[in-house]
Amino acid sequence: MSPSLLLMMLGRQLREQADAELRAQGLSMRHLSALGHLAHQPGLSYSELARRDGITAQSMQSTLRQLQDLGAVELLTKPGRGRTADLQVTETGQELLERGRAVLRAADQRLLDAIGNENREVLAGFALRALVALKAGTAK
């Protein structure tokens, strides 16, 4: 059986479960990612956030508008073309971020229950090694 196909199937299964649980929390992976980036590095621009997620700036603006509507993110600068947005995660955003992280911890636990916790380091090591190599285009 193809290791790539197995990993794609596993990734899809984990993503579908996490997406469903995040939806129940009023979130998506894109929301969670934007909140995580902004919590770690406040003041990132729409463009930088979009680059980090591999999406367009317009898609990120839509995501951030949704987060603003939820009260999770606030824009501290006046909007305007060519201006860098000063985006900050609010207390509500921190709470949503923590709920989203709990969903990811539960996904991790289901995966570790399936493969055995003793294999955690091996799985993480191989996955990281493959990801880095594939991104750099140096996979053998």
C-alpha atoms as a PDB file:
ATOM      1  CA  MET A   1       0.000   0.000   0.000  1.00  0.00           C
ATOM      2  CA  SER A   2       1.219   3.487  -0.850  1.00  0.00           C
ATOM      3  CA  PRO A   3       2.537   5.409   2.180  1.00  0.00           C
ATOM      4  CA  SER A   4       1.552   8.694   0.509  1.00  0.00           C
ATOM      5  CA  LEU A   5      -1.993   7.495  -0.056  1.00  0.00           C
ATOM      6  CA  LEU A   6      -2.262   6.264   3.525  1.00  0.00           C
ATOM      7  CA  LEU A   7      -1.042   9.595   4.877  1.00  0.00           C
ATOM      8  CA  MET A   8      -3.482  11.485   2.658  1.00  0.00           C
ATOM      9  CA  MET A   9      -6.334   9.287   3.863  1.00  0.00           C
ATOM     10  CA  LEU A  10      -5.260   9.732   7.484  1.00  0.00           C
ATOM     11  CA  GLY A  11      -4.932  13.486   7.042  1.00  0.00           C
ATOM     12  CA  ARG A  12      -8.374  13.702   5.483  1.00  0.00           C
ATOM     13  CA  GLN A  13      -9.924  11.707   8.329  1.00  0.00           C
ATOM     14  CA  LEU A  14      -8.252  13.849  10.989  1.00  0.00           C
ATOM     15  CA  ARG A  15      -9.165  17.068   9.154  1.00  0.00           C
ATOM     16  CA  GLU A  16     -12.824  16.091   8.732  1.00  0.00           C
ATOM     17  CA  GLN A  17     -13.153  15.249  12.428  1.00  0.00           C
ATOM     18  CA  ALA A  18     -11.395  18.440  13.517  1.00  0.00           C
ATOM     19  CA  ASP A  19     -13.452  20.560  11.096  1.00  0.00           C
ATOM     20  CA  ALA A  20     -16.693  19.152  12.498  1.00  0.00           C
ATOM     21  CA  GLU A  21     -15.591  19.810  16.080  1.00  0.00           C
ATOM     22  CA  LEU A  22     -14.398  23.317  15.227  1.00  0.00           C
ATOM     23  CA  ARG A  23     -17.719  24.098  13.504  1.00  0.00           C
ATOM     24  CA  ALA A  24     -19.459  23.127  16.737  1.00  0.00           C
ATOM     25  CA  GLN A  25     -17.313  25.806  18.417  1.00  0.00           C
ATOM     26  CA  GLY A  26     -18.209  28.365  15.725  1.00  0.00           C
ATOM     27  CA  LEU A  27     -14.743  28.151  14.165  1.00  0.00           C
ATOM     28  CA  SER A  28     -12.928  26.857  11.120  1.00  0.00           C
ATOM     29  CA  MET A  29      -9.293  25.847  10.619  1.00  0.00           C
ATOM     30  CA  ARG A  30      -8.758  29.172   8.835  1.00  0.00           C
ATOM     31  CA  HIS A  31     -10.164  31.064  11.849  1.00  0.00           C
ATOM     32  CA  LEU A  32      -8.001  29.046  14.199  1.00  0.00           C
ATOM     33  CA  SER A  33      -4.901  29.633  12.101  1.00  0.00           C
ATOM     34  CA  ALA A  34      -5.438  33.395  11.884  1.00  0.00           C
ATOM     35  CA  LEU A  35      -6.100  33.643  15.619  1.00  0.00           C
ATOM     36  CA  GLY A  36      -3.011  31.575  16.380  1.00  0.00           C
ATOM     37  CA  HIS A  37      -0.755  33.706  14.172  1.00  0.00           C
ATOM     38  CA  LEU A  38      -2.134  36.959  15.592  1.00  0.00           C
ATOM     39  CA  ALA A  39      -1.919  35.758  19.186  1.00  0.00           C
ATOM     40  CA  HIS A  40       1.710  34.799  18.626  1.00  0.00           C
ATOM     41  CA  GLN A  41       2.588  37.931  16.657  1.00  0.00           C
ATOM     42  CA  PRO A  42       0.059  40.776  17.088  1.00  0.00           C
ATOM     43  CA  GLY A  43      -0.174  43.375  14.340  1.00  0.00           C
ATOM     44  CA  LEU A  44       0.412  41.089  11.350  1.00  0.00           C
ATOM     45  CA  SER A  45      -1.027  42.454   8.119  1.00  0.00           C
ATOM     46  CA  TYR A  46      -3.743  40.812   6.036  1.00  0.00           C
ATOM     47  CA  SER A  47      -1.119  40.015   3.393  1.00  0.00           C
ATOM     48  CA  GLU A  48       1.290  38.397   5.840  1.00  0.00           C
ATOM     49  CA  LEU A  49      -1.473  36.317   7.402  1.00  0.00           C
ATOM     50  CA  ALA A  50      -2.613  35.250   3.930  1.00  0.00           C
ATOM     51  CA  ARG A  51       0.944  34.247   2.945  1.00  0.00           C
ATOM     52  CA  ARG A  52       1.287  32.147   6.074  1.00  0.00           C
ATOM     53  CA  ASP A  53      -1.949  30.300   5.260  1.00  0.00           C
ATOM     54  CA  GLY A  54      -1.308  30.038   1.521  1.00  0.00           C
ATOM     55  CA  ILE A  55      -4.486  31.941   0.597  1.00  0.00           C
ATOM     56  CA  THR A  56      -5.258  35.278  -1.044  1.00  0.00           C
ATOM     57  CA  ALA A  57      -5.305  38.511   0.920  1.00  0.00           C
ATOM     58  CA  GLN A  58      -8.986  38.881  -0.027  1.00  0.00           C
ATOM     59  CA  SER A  59      -9.796  35.486   1.512  1.00  0.00           C
ATOM     60  CA  MET A  60      -7.911  36.445   4.655  1.00  0.00           C
ATOM     61  CA  GLN A  61      -9.786  39.755   4.835  1.00  0.00           C
ATOM     62  CA  SER A  62     -13.041  37.801   4.715  1.00  0.00           C
ATOM     63  CA  THR A  63     -11.818  35.474   7.469  1.00  0.00           C
ATOM     64  CA  LEU A  64     -10.775  38.406   9.639  1.00  0.00           C
ATOM     65  CA  ARG A  65     -14.114  40.171   9.062  1.00  0.00           C
ATOM     66  CA  GLN A  66     -15.811  37.021  10.342  1.00  0.00           C
ATOM     67  CA  LEU A  67     -13.530  37.035  13.378  1.00  0.00           C
ATOM     68  CA  GLN A  68     -14.266  40.726  13.950  1.00  0.00           C
ATOM     69  CA  ASP A  69     -18.004  39.962  13.777  1.00  0.00           C
ATOM     70  CA  LEU A  70     -17.466  37.314  16.462  1.00  0.00           C
ATOM     71  CA  GLY A  71     -15.599  39.862  18.583  1.00  0.00           C
ATOM     72  CA  ALA A  72     -12.445  37.741  18.376  1.00  0.00           C
ATOM     73  CA  VAL A  73     -10.248  40.247  16.553  1.00  0.00           C
ATOM     74  CA  GLU A  74     -10.201  44.008  16.547  1.00  0.00           C
ATOM     75  CA  LEU A  75      -8.711  46.364  14.016  1.00  0.00           C
ATOM     76  CA  LEU A  76      -6.818  49.109  15.841  1.00  0.00           C
ATOM     77  CA  THR A  77      -6.087  51.188  12.724  1.00  0.00           C
ATOM     78  CA  LYS A  78      -8.491  52.884  10.362  1.00  0.00           C
ATOM     79  CA  PRO A  79      -9.064  50.838   7.207  1.00  0.00           C
ATOM     80  CA  GLY A  80      -7.642  52.211   3.974  1.00  0.00           C
ATOM     81  CA  ARG A  81      -5.964  51.095   0.804  1.00  0.00           C
ATOM     82  CA  GLY A  82      -2.251  50.542   1.243  1.00  0.00           C
ATOM     83  CA  ARG A  83      -2.393  50.800   5.021  1.00  0.00           C
ATOM     84  CA  THR A  84      -1.051  48.074   7.240  1.00  0.00           C
ATOM     85  CA  ALA A  85      -3.774  46.799   9.524  1.00  0.00           C
ATOM     86  CA  ASP A  86      -3.005  46.553  13.212  1.00  0.00           C
ATOM     87  CA  LEU A  87      -4.999  43.455  14.134  1.00  0.00           C
ATOM     88  CA  GLN A  88      -5.209  42.246  17.718  1.00  0.00           C
ATOM     89  CA  VAL A  89      -6.799  39.179  19.295  1.00  0.00           C
ATOM     90  CA  THR A  90      -9.393  40.119  21.906  1.00  0.00           C
ATOM     91  CA  GLU A  91     -10.249  38.270  25.118  1.00  0.00           C
ATOM     92  CA  THR A  92     -13.083  36.581  23.213  1.00  0.00           C
ATOM     93  CA  GLY A  93     -10.550  35.612  20.543  1.00  0.00           C
ATOM     94  CA  GLN A  94      -8.254  34.119  23.169  1.00  0.00           C
ATOM     95  CA  GLU A  95     -11.160  32.028  24.464  1.00  0.00           C
ATOM     96  CA  LEU A  96     -12.009  30.841  20.923  1.00  0.00           C
ATOM     97  CA  LEU A  97      -8.348  30.076  20.297  1.00  0.00           C
ATOM     98  CA  GLU A  98      -8.178  27.954  23.443  1.00  0.00           C
ATOM     99  CA  ARG A  99     -11.336  26.068  22.446  1.00  0.00           C
ATOM    100  CA  GLY A 100      -9.818  25.458  19.013  1.00  0.00           C
ATOM    101  CA  ARG A 101      -6.570  24.254  20.534  1.00  0.00           C
ATOM    102  CA  ALA A 102      -8.577  21.858  22.706  1.00  0.00           C
ATOM    103  CA  VAL A 103     -10.073  20.403  19.521  1.00  0.00           C
ATOM    104  CA  LEU A 104      -6.561  19.873  18.131  1.00  0.00           C
ATOM    105  CA  ARG A 105      -5.377  18.294  21.391  1.00  0.00           C
ATOM    106  CA  ALA A 106      -8.329  15.887  21.193  1.00  0.00           C
ATOM    107  CA  ALA A 107      -7.355  15.031  17.599  1.00  0.00           C
ATOM    108  CA  ASP A 108      -3.788  14.398  18.760  1.00  0.00           C
ATOM    109  CA  GLN A 109      -5.065  12.139  21.518  1.00  0.00           C
ATOM    110  CA  ARG A 110      -7.238  10.105  19.120  1.00  0.00           C
ATOM    111  CA  LEU A 111      -4.241   9.650  16.844  1.00  0.00           C
ATOM    112  CA  LEU A 112      -1.975   8.641  19.720  1.00  0.00           C
ATOM    113  CA  ASP A 113      -4.607   6.247  21.043  1.00  0.00           C
ATOM    114  CA  ALA A 114      -4.648   4.630  17.599  1.00  0.00           C
ATOM    115  CA  ILE A 115      -0.864   4.281  17.178  1.00  0.00           C
ATOM    116  CA  GLY A 116       0.268   4.071  20.793  1.00  0.00           C
ATOM    117  CA  ASN A 117       1.663   6.989  22.764  1.00  0.00           C
ATOM    118  CA  GLU A 118       5.108   5.375  22.703  1.00  0.00           C
ATOM    119  CA  ASN A 119       5.214   6.097  18.935  1.00  0.00           C
ATOM    120  CA  ARG A 120       4.546   9.818  19.322  1.00  0.00           C
ATOM    121  CA  GLU A 121       8.157  10.961  18.925  1.00  0.00           C
ATOM    122  CA  VAL A 122       8.787   8.624  15.992  1.00  0.00           C
ATOM    123  CA  LEU A 123       5.658   9.782  14.145  1.00  0.00           C
ATOM    124  CA  ALA A 124       6.366  13.463  14.798  1.00  0.00           C
ATOM    125  CA  GLY A 125      10.005  13.077  13.766  1.00  0.00           C
ATOM    126  CA  PHE A 126       9.234  11.336  10.481  1.00  0.00           C
ATOM    127  CA  ALA A 127       6.361  13.698   9.663  1.00  0.00           C
ATOM    128  CA  LEU A 128       8.477  16.793  10.318  1.00  0.00           C
ATOM    129  CA  ARG A 129      11.426  15.402   8.381  1.00  0.00           C
ATOM    130  CA  ALA A 130       9.209  14.628   5.385  1.00  0.00           C
ATOM    131  CA  LEU A 131       7.455  17.992   5.531  1.00  0.00           C
ATOM    132  CA  VAL A 132      10.702  19.949   5.642  1.00  0.00           C
ATOM    133  CA  ALA A 133      12.227  17.903   2.815  1.00  0.00           C
ATOM    134  CA  LEU A 134       9.167  18.154   0.596  1.00  0.00           C
ATOM    135  CA  LYS A 135       8.838  21.917   1.146  1.00  0.00           C
ATOM    136  CA  ALA A 136      12.506  22.393   0.322  1.00  0.00           C
ATOM    137  CA  GLY A 137      12.226  20.132  -2.715  1.00  0.00           C
ATOM    138  CA  THR A 138      14.972  17.862  -1.418  1.00  0.00           C
ATOM    139  CA  ALA A 139      12.966  14.706  -0.734  1.00  0.00           C
ATOM    140  CA  LYS A 140      14.832  11.584  -1.858  1.00  0.00           C
END
